[in-house]
Amino acid sequence: MPIILRAHHLLCFLGFRGLGYSKEFVENFKSIYKRVYLENSHIKIVSFPDRICRCCPNLTAAGCRFEEKVKMYDEKVMELLKVYGLSDLEDVLPSEAYSALKKVLPQQLESICRTCEWFVLGFCRESFYRKDLWKNG
């Protein structure tokens, strides 16, 4: 059974440096990062809250406080994945997703993430310009 993953979290993995909202959030993120990014476990790419979101302080019983903004990130990532060769988002290997994202211009990725509160740290920008977007890349 694939791990359900918000589309924009594929980009978050690239800039991940062990920082987050809380210790619980970071530990949860690391656990999913390990399974998805490091172990290449099958994923289902979605545009709604996933297991990473469950430890985010912005997720309330009513949903994500920034759902409109984050859903836009998800939709843009999903669109790029499809444009660059990934038609099935239901059961995909992360390596396949990153293979598609390697074809995207770094400026396109920046345009998605630049309004994210974490973008100012520079980790994402740095990762977008690496030749090896994915750890086995």
N, C-alpha and C. Protein backbone atom coordinates (compact mmCIF):
# COMPACT_ATOMS: atom_id res chain seq x y z
N MET A 1 0.86 -1.19 0.00
CA MET A 1 0.00 0.00 0.00
C MET A 1 0.90 1.25 0.00
N PRO A 2 0.70 2.12 -0.96
CA PRO A 2 1.55 3.33 -1.05
C PRO A 2 1.34 4.29 0.12
N ILE A 3 2.38 5.02 0.44
CA ILE A 3 2.32 6.07 1.45
C ILE A 3 1.65 7.28 0.82
N ILE A 4 0.62 7.81 1.46
CA ILE A 4 -0.04 9.01 0.94
C ILE A 4 0.85 10.21 1.26
N LEU A 5 1.17 10.97 0.20
CA LEU A 5 2.10 12.09 0.36
C LEU A 5 1.59 13.30 -0.40
N ARG A 6 1.48 14.41 0.31
CA ARG A 6 1.14 15.68 -0.34
C ARG A 6 2.20 15.99 -1.37
N ALA A 7 1.79 16.42 -2.55
CA ALA A 7 2.72 16.65 -3.66
C ALA A 7 3.86 17.58 -3.30
N HIS A 8 3.58 18.69 -2.63
CA HIS A 8 4.65 19.65 -2.36
C HIS A 8 5.67 19.11 -1.36
N HIS A 9 5.31 18.07 -0.62
CA HIS A 9 6.28 17.49 0.31
C HIS A 9 7.45 16.84 -0.43
N LEU A 10 7.26 16.49 -1.69
CA LEU A 10 8.40 16.02 -2.50
C LEU A 10 9.48 17.10 -2.55
N LEU A 11 9.05 18.35 -2.63
CA LEU A 11 10.02 19.46 -2.65
C LEU A 11 10.56 19.72 -1.25
N CYS A 12 9.73 19.57 -0.24
CA CYS A 12 10.19 19.78 1.14
C CYS A 12 11.30 18.80 1.50
N PHE A 13 11.22 17.58 1.01
CA PHE A 13 12.26 16.59 1.28
C PHE A 13 13.62 17.07 0.78
N LEU A 14 13.61 17.77 -0.34
CA LEU A 14 14.88 18.23 -0.93
C LEU A 14 15.62 19.21 -0.02
N GLY A 15 14.87 20.05 0.66
CA GLY A 15 15.49 21.05 1.51
C GLY A 15 15.55 20.67 2.98
N PHE A 16 15.09 19.47 3.32
CA PHE A 16 15.01 19.08 4.73
C PHE A 16 16.40 19.00 5.37
N ARG A 17 16.53 19.68 6.53
CA ARG A 17 17.78 19.69 7.28
C ARG A 17 17.54 19.38 8.76
N GLY A 18 16.42 18.76 9.07
CA GLY A 18 16.14 18.38 10.45
C GLY A 18 15.52 19.48 11.29
N LEU A 19 15.01 20.51 10.65
CA LEU A 19 14.35 21.60 11.37
C LEU A 19 12.84 21.48 11.19
N GLY A 20 12.10 22.07 12.12
CA GLY A 20 10.65 22.02 12.00
C GLY A 20 9.98 22.79 13.11
N TYR A 21 8.68 22.63 13.17
CA TYR A 21 7.86 23.37 14.13
C TYR A 21 8.08 22.92 15.57
N SER A 22 8.36 21.62 15.73
CA SER A 22 8.52 21.05 17.07
C SER A 22 9.32 19.76 16.93
N LYS A 23 9.74 19.22 18.07
CA LYS A 23 10.47 17.95 18.06
C LYS A 23 9.58 16.84 17.47
N GLU A 24 8.32 16.82 17.87
CA GLU A 24 7.38 15.82 17.37
C GLU A 24 7.23 15.92 15.85
N PHE A 25 7.11 17.15 15.35
CA PHE A 25 6.99 17.35 13.91
C PHE A 25 8.24 16.84 13.19
N VAL A 26 9.41 17.19 13.69
CA VAL A 26 10.67 16.79 13.05
C VAL A 26 10.82 15.27 13.06
N GLU A 27 10.51 14.63 14.18
CA GLU A 27 10.63 13.16 14.26
C GLU A 27 9.67 12.48 13.28
N ASN A 28 8.45 12.97 13.20
CA ASN A 28 7.47 12.43 12.27
C ASN A 28 7.94 12.65 10.82
N PHE A 29 8.42 13.85 10.53
CA PHE A 29 8.91 14.17 9.18
C PHE A 29 10.08 13.25 8.83
N LYS A 30 11.03 13.08 9.76
CA LYS A 30 12.19 12.22 9.52
C LYS A 30 11.77 10.79 9.21
N SER A 31 10.77 10.29 9.93
CA SER A 31 10.30 8.94 9.73
C SER A 31 9.75 8.76 8.31
N ILE A 32 8.95 9.70 7.87
CA ILE A 32 8.36 9.63 6.53
C ILE A 32 9.42 9.91 5.46
N TYR A 33 10.30 10.86 5.73
CA TYR A 33 11.44 11.17 4.84
C TYR A 33 12.27 9.92 4.59
N LYS A 34 12.53 9.18 5.66
CA LYS A 34 13.33 7.97 5.53
C LYS A 34 12.65 6.96 4.61
N ARG A 35 11.37 6.73 4.85
CA ARG A 35 10.65 5.73 4.05
C ARG A 35 10.49 6.16 2.60
N VAL A 36 10.20 7.43 2.39
CA VAL A 36 9.93 7.91 1.03
C VAL A 36 11.23 8.27 0.30
N TYR A 37 11.97 9.20 0.85
CA TYR A 37 13.13 9.76 0.15
C TYR A 37 14.34 8.83 0.19
N LEU A 38 14.60 8.21 1.33
CA LEU A 38 15.80 7.38 1.43
C LEU A 38 15.57 5.92 1.01
N GLU A 39 14.38 5.39 1.29
CA GLU A 39 14.11 3.98 0.98
C GLU A 39 13.31 3.79 -0.31
N ASN A 40 12.85 4.88 -0.92
CA ASN A 40 12.13 4.83 -2.20
C ASN A 40 10.86 3.98 -2.13
N SER A 41 10.10 4.11 -1.02
CA SER A 41 8.84 3.38 -0.86
C SER A 41 7.77 4.00 -1.77
N HIS A 42 6.89 3.16 -2.26
CA HIS A 42 5.81 3.62 -3.13
C HIS A 42 4.98 4.70 -2.45
N ILE A 43 4.55 5.69 -3.25
CA ILE A 43 3.74 6.78 -2.73
C ILE A 43 2.52 7.01 -3.62
N LYS A 44 1.52 7.61 -3.01
CA LYS A 44 0.34 8.12 -3.72
C LYS A 44 0.40 9.63 -3.53
N ILE A 45 0.51 10.38 -4.62
CA ILE A 45 0.68 11.83 -4.55
C ILE A 45 -0.69 12.50 -4.54
N VAL A 46 -0.94 13.32 -3.51
CA VAL A 46 -2.25 13.92 -3.29
C VAL A 46 -2.14 15.42 -3.03
N SER A 47 -3.30 16.05 -2.93
CA SER A 47 -3.34 17.49 -2.63
C SER A 47 -4.22 17.74 -1.41
N PHE A 48 -4.04 16.93 -0.39
CA PHE A 48 -4.74 17.11 0.89
C PHE A 48 -3.80 16.68 2.01
N PRO A 49 -4.12 17.01 3.27
CA PRO A 49 -3.22 16.68 4.37
C PRO A 49 -2.84 15.20 4.42
N ASP A 50 -1.55 14.96 4.70
CA ASP A 50 -1.02 13.60 4.76
C ASP A 50 -0.46 13.32 6.15
N ARG A 51 0.35 12.27 6.28
CA ARG A 51 0.91 11.90 7.60
C ARG A 51 1.92 12.93 8.10
N ILE A 52 2.57 13.63 7.22
CA ILE A 52 3.48 14.70 7.65
C ILE A 52 2.66 15.81 8.32
N CYS A 53 1.56 16.14 7.73
CA CYS A 53 0.70 17.23 8.23
C CYS A 53 0.15 16.96 9.63
N ARG A 54 0.00 15.71 9.98
CA ARG A 54 -0.66 15.40 11.26
C ARG A 54 0.06 15.98 12.47
N CYS A 55 1.35 16.27 12.35
CA CYS A 55 2.11 16.86 13.46
C CYS A 55 2.38 18.35 13.26
N CYS A 56 1.79 18.92 12.25
CA CYS A 56 1.98 20.34 11.95
C CYS A 56 1.02 21.18 12.80
N PRO A 57 1.51 22.23 13.43
CA PRO A 57 0.64 23.06 14.26
C PRO A 57 -0.42 23.82 13.45
N ASN A 58 -0.26 23.86 12.14
CA ASN A 58 -1.23 24.56 11.30
C ASN A 58 -2.41 23.67 10.91
N LEU A 59 -2.35 22.38 11.26
CA LEU A 59 -3.46 21.47 10.98
C LEU A 59 -4.36 21.42 12.21
N THR A 60 -5.58 21.83 12.03
CA THR A 60 -6.57 21.82 13.10
C THR A 60 -7.68 20.83 12.75
N ALA A 61 -8.62 20.67 13.63
CA ALA A 61 -9.75 19.78 13.35
C ALA A 61 -10.51 20.23 12.11
N ALA A 62 -10.47 21.53 11.83
CA ALA A 62 -11.17 22.08 10.66
C ALA A 62 -10.33 21.96 9.39
N GLY A 63 -9.07 21.53 9.51
CA GLY A 63 -8.20 21.40 8.35
C GLY A 63 -6.98 22.32 8.48
N CYS A 64 -6.23 22.42 7.41
CA CYS A 64 -5.03 23.25 7.40
C CYS A 64 -5.40 24.73 7.38
N ARG A 65 -4.76 25.49 8.27
CA ARG A 65 -5.02 26.94 8.31
C ARG A 65 -4.61 27.62 7.01
N PHE A 66 -3.70 27.02 6.28
CA PHE A 66 -3.19 27.61 5.03
C PHE A 66 -3.52 26.73 3.82
N GLU A 67 -4.64 26.03 3.90
CA GLU A 67 -4.99 25.04 2.88
C GLU A 67 -4.98 25.61 1.47
N GLU A 68 -5.51 26.80 1.29
CA GLU A 68 -5.57 27.38 -0.06
C GLU A 68 -4.16 27.54 -0.65
N LYS A 69 -3.24 28.06 0.16
CA LYS A 69 -1.87 28.27 -0.30
C LYS A 69 -1.16 26.93 -0.56
N VAL A 70 -1.29 25.99 0.38
CA VAL A 70 -0.57 24.72 0.23
C VAL A 70 -1.17 23.88 -0.89
N LYS A 71 -2.47 23.95 -1.07
CA LYS A 71 -3.11 23.23 -2.17
C LYS A 71 -2.59 23.75 -3.51
N MET A 72 -2.33 25.05 -3.58
CA MET A 72 -1.76 25.63 -4.80
C MET A 72 -0.37 25.04 -5.04
N TYR A 73 0.44 24.89 -3.98
CA TYR A 73 1.76 24.25 -4.13
C TYR A 73 1.59 22.84 -4.69
N ASP A 74 0.67 22.09 -4.07
CA ASP A 74 0.43 20.71 -4.50
C ASP A 74 0.03 20.64 -5.96
N GLU A 75 -0.92 21.47 -6.34
CA GLU A 75 -1.42 21.43 -7.72
C GLU A 75 -0.33 21.79 -8.72
N LYS A 76 0.52 22.75 -8.39
CA LYS A 76 1.61 23.11 -9.30
C LYS A 76 2.62 21.98 -9.43
N VAL A 77 2.94 21.33 -8.32
CA VAL A 77 3.87 20.20 -8.37
C VAL A 77 3.26 19.06 -9.18
N MET A 78 1.98 18.76 -8.95
CA MET A 78 1.31 17.69 -9.69
C MET A 78 1.28 17.99 -11.19
N GLU A 79 1.03 19.24 -11.52
CA GLU A 79 1.02 19.65 -12.93
C GLU A 79 2.40 19.43 -13.56
N LEU A 80 3.46 19.84 -12.86
CA LEU A 80 4.82 19.64 -13.38
C LEU A 80 5.16 18.17 -13.53
N LEU A 81 4.76 17.36 -12.57
CA LEU A 81 5.02 15.92 -12.66
C LEU A 81 4.37 15.34 -13.91
N LYS A 82 3.14 15.75 -14.17
CA LYS A 82 2.43 15.24 -15.35
C LYS A 82 3.05 15.77 -16.64
N VAL A 83 3.40 17.04 -16.69
CA VAL A 83 4.02 17.63 -17.88
C VAL A 83 5.33 16.93 -18.21
N TYR A 84 6.07 16.56 -17.18
CA TYR A 84 7.39 15.97 -17.39
C TYR A 84 7.39 14.44 -17.27
N GLY A 85 6.25 13.83 -17.57
CA GLY A 85 6.24 12.40 -17.81
C GLY A 85 5.67 11.47 -16.76
N LEU A 86 5.07 11.97 -15.71
CA LEU A 86 4.52 11.09 -14.68
C LEU A 86 3.00 11.17 -14.74
N SER A 87 2.38 10.25 -15.45
CA SER A 87 0.93 10.33 -15.65
C SER A 87 0.13 9.72 -14.49
N ASP A 88 0.68 8.69 -13.86
CA ASP A 88 -0.03 8.03 -12.76
C ASP A 88 0.54 8.49 -11.43
N LEU A 89 -0.28 9.15 -10.63
CA LEU A 89 0.15 9.64 -9.32
C LEU A 89 -0.38 8.76 -8.18
N GLU A 90 -1.05 7.66 -8.52
CA GLU A 90 -1.68 6.79 -7.53
C GLU A 90 -0.71 5.83 -6.87
N ASP A 91 0.27 5.35 -7.61
CA ASP A 91 1.24 4.39 -7.08
C ASP A 91 2.54 4.61 -7.83
N VAL A 92 3.41 5.39 -7.24
CA VAL A 92 4.64 5.80 -7.93
C VAL A 92 5.83 5.67 -6.99
N LEU A 93 6.97 5.37 -7.55
CA LEU A 93 8.20 5.38 -6.77
C LEU A 93 8.72 6.82 -6.70
N PRO A 94 9.19 7.25 -5.55
CA PRO A 94 9.74 8.60 -5.46
C PRO A 94 10.84 8.85 -6.50
N SER A 95 11.64 7.85 -6.80
CA SER A 95 12.69 8.02 -7.80
C SER A 95 12.10 8.41 -9.15
N GLU A 96 10.91 7.90 -9.49
CA GLU A 96 10.24 8.28 -10.73
C GLU A 96 9.77 9.73 -10.67
N ALA A 97 9.25 10.13 -9.51
CA ALA A 97 8.80 11.51 -9.35
C ALA A 97 9.98 12.47 -9.47
N TYR A 98 11.09 12.14 -8.83
CA TYR A 98 12.26 13.02 -8.89
C TYR A 98 12.90 13.01 -10.27
N SER A 99 12.76 11.92 -10.98
CA SER A 99 13.24 11.87 -12.36
C SER A 99 12.48 12.88 -13.21
N ALA A 100 11.19 12.99 -12.99
CA ALA A 100 10.38 13.99 -13.70
C ALA A 100 10.75 15.40 -13.24
N LEU A 101 10.93 15.59 -11.94
CA LEU A 101 11.25 16.92 -11.42
C LEU A 101 12.63 17.41 -11.85
N LYS A 102 13.53 16.50 -12.18
CA LYS A 102 14.86 16.90 -12.65
C LYS A 102 14.77 17.69 -13.97
N LYS A 103 13.68 17.48 -14.69
CA LYS A 103 13.50 18.15 -15.98
C LYS A 103 12.96 19.57 -15.84
N VAL A 104 12.53 19.90 -14.62
CA VAL A 104 11.94 21.21 -14.34
C VAL A 104 13.05 22.22 -14.09
N LEU A 105 12.88 23.42 -14.61
CA LEU A 105 13.87 24.47 -14.35
C LEU A 105 13.85 24.85 -12.87
N PRO A 106 15.02 25.07 -12.28
CA PRO A 106 15.06 25.48 -10.87
C PRO A 106 14.17 26.70 -10.59
N GLN A 107 14.09 27.61 -11.55
CA GLN A 107 13.26 28.81 -11.36
C GLN A 107 11.78 28.44 -11.23
N GLN A 108 11.36 27.38 -11.91
CA GLN A 108 9.97 26.94 -11.80
C GLN A 108 9.70 26.41 -10.39
N LEU A 109 10.64 25.66 -9.85
CA LEU A 109 10.48 25.14 -8.50
C LEU A 109 10.49 26.28 -7.49
N GLU A 110 11.39 27.23 -7.68
CA GLU A 110 11.44 28.40 -6.79
C GLU A 110 10.12 29.15 -6.81
N SER A 111 9.52 29.28 -7.99
CA SER A 111 8.27 30.04 -8.10
C SER A 111 7.15 29.39 -7.31
N ILE A 112 7.22 28.07 -7.13
CA ILE A 112 6.23 27.37 -6.32
C ILE A 112 6.46 27.67 -4.84
N CYS A 113 7.69 27.61 -4.42
CA CYS A 113 8.03 27.63 -2.99
C CYS A 113 8.32 29.00 -2.39
N ARG A 114 8.48 29.99 -3.19
CA ARG A 114 8.98 31.27 -2.65
C ARG A 114 8.08 31.92 -1.60
N THR A 115 6.80 31.56 -1.54
CA THR A 115 5.93 32.13 -0.51
C THR A 115 5.85 31.25 0.74
N CYS A 116 6.61 30.16 0.76
CA CYS A 116 6.64 29.28 1.92
C CYS A 116 7.53 29.90 3.00
N GLU A 117 7.11 29.79 4.25
CA GLU A 117 7.87 30.38 5.35
C GLU A 117 9.27 29.78 5.50
N TRP A 118 9.49 28.56 5.03
CA TRP A 118 10.79 27.90 5.15
C TRP A 118 11.74 28.28 4.02
N PHE A 119 11.22 28.85 2.96
CA PHE A 119 12.03 29.15 1.77
C PHE A 119 13.16 30.14 2.07
N VAL A 120 12.91 31.06 2.99
CA VAL A 120 13.91 32.09 3.30
C VAL A 120 15.20 31.51 3.89
N LEU A 121 15.14 30.28 4.41
CA LEU A 121 16.34 29.65 4.96
C LEU A 121 17.35 29.29 3.86
N GLY A 122 16.89 29.18 2.63
CA GLY A 122 17.79 28.92 1.51
C GLY A 122 18.07 27.45 1.22
N PHE A 123 17.61 26.54 2.06
CA PHE A 123 17.88 25.12 1.85
C PHE A 123 17.23 24.60 0.56
N CYS A 124 16.02 25.04 0.31
CA CYS A 124 15.30 24.59 -0.88
C CYS A 124 15.97 25.11 -2.15
N ARG A 125 16.25 26.39 -2.16
CA ARG A 125 16.90 27.00 -3.32
C ARG A 125 18.20 26.25 -3.64
N GLU A 126 18.97 25.98 -2.62
CA GLU A 126 20.23 25.26 -2.79
C GLU A 126 19.99 23.89 -3.43
N SER A 127 18.98 23.19 -2.97
CA SER A 127 18.70 21.85 -3.49
C SER A 127 18.17 21.88 -4.92
N PHE A 128 17.41 22.91 -5.28
CA PHE A 128 16.86 22.98 -6.64
C PHE A 128 17.96 23.09 -7.68
N TYR A 129 19.09 23.66 -7.31
CA TYR A 129 20.18 23.88 -8.26
C TYR A 129 21.19 22.74 -8.27
N ARG A 130 21.00 21.73 -7.42
CA ARG A 130 21.87 20.55 -7.45
C ARG A 130 21.54 19.73 -8.69
N LYS A 131 22.52 19.07 -9.22
CA LYS A 131 22.30 18.20 -10.37
C LYS A 131 21.55 16.93 -9.96
N ASP A 132 21.73 16.50 -8.71
CA ASP A 132 21.14 15.27 -8.23
C ASP A 132 19.95 15.54 -7.31
N LEU A 133 18.84 15.93 -7.89
CA LEU A 133 17.66 16.25 -7.09
C LEU A 133 17.30 15.15 -6.12
N TRP A 134 17.48 13.94 -6.51
CA TRP A 134 17.15 12.83 -5.64
C TRP A 134 18.43 12.21 -5.13
N LYS A 135 18.41 11.67 -3.95
CA LYS A 135 19.62 11.16 -3.29
C LYS A 135 20.36 10.12 -4.13
N ASN A 136 19.69 9.40 -4.99
CA ASN A 136 20.38 8.43 -5.86
C ASN A 136 20.58 9.00 -7.27
N GLY A 137 20.28 10.32 -7.41
CA GLY A 137 20.26 10.96 -8.70
C GLY A 137 21.55 11.12 -9.37
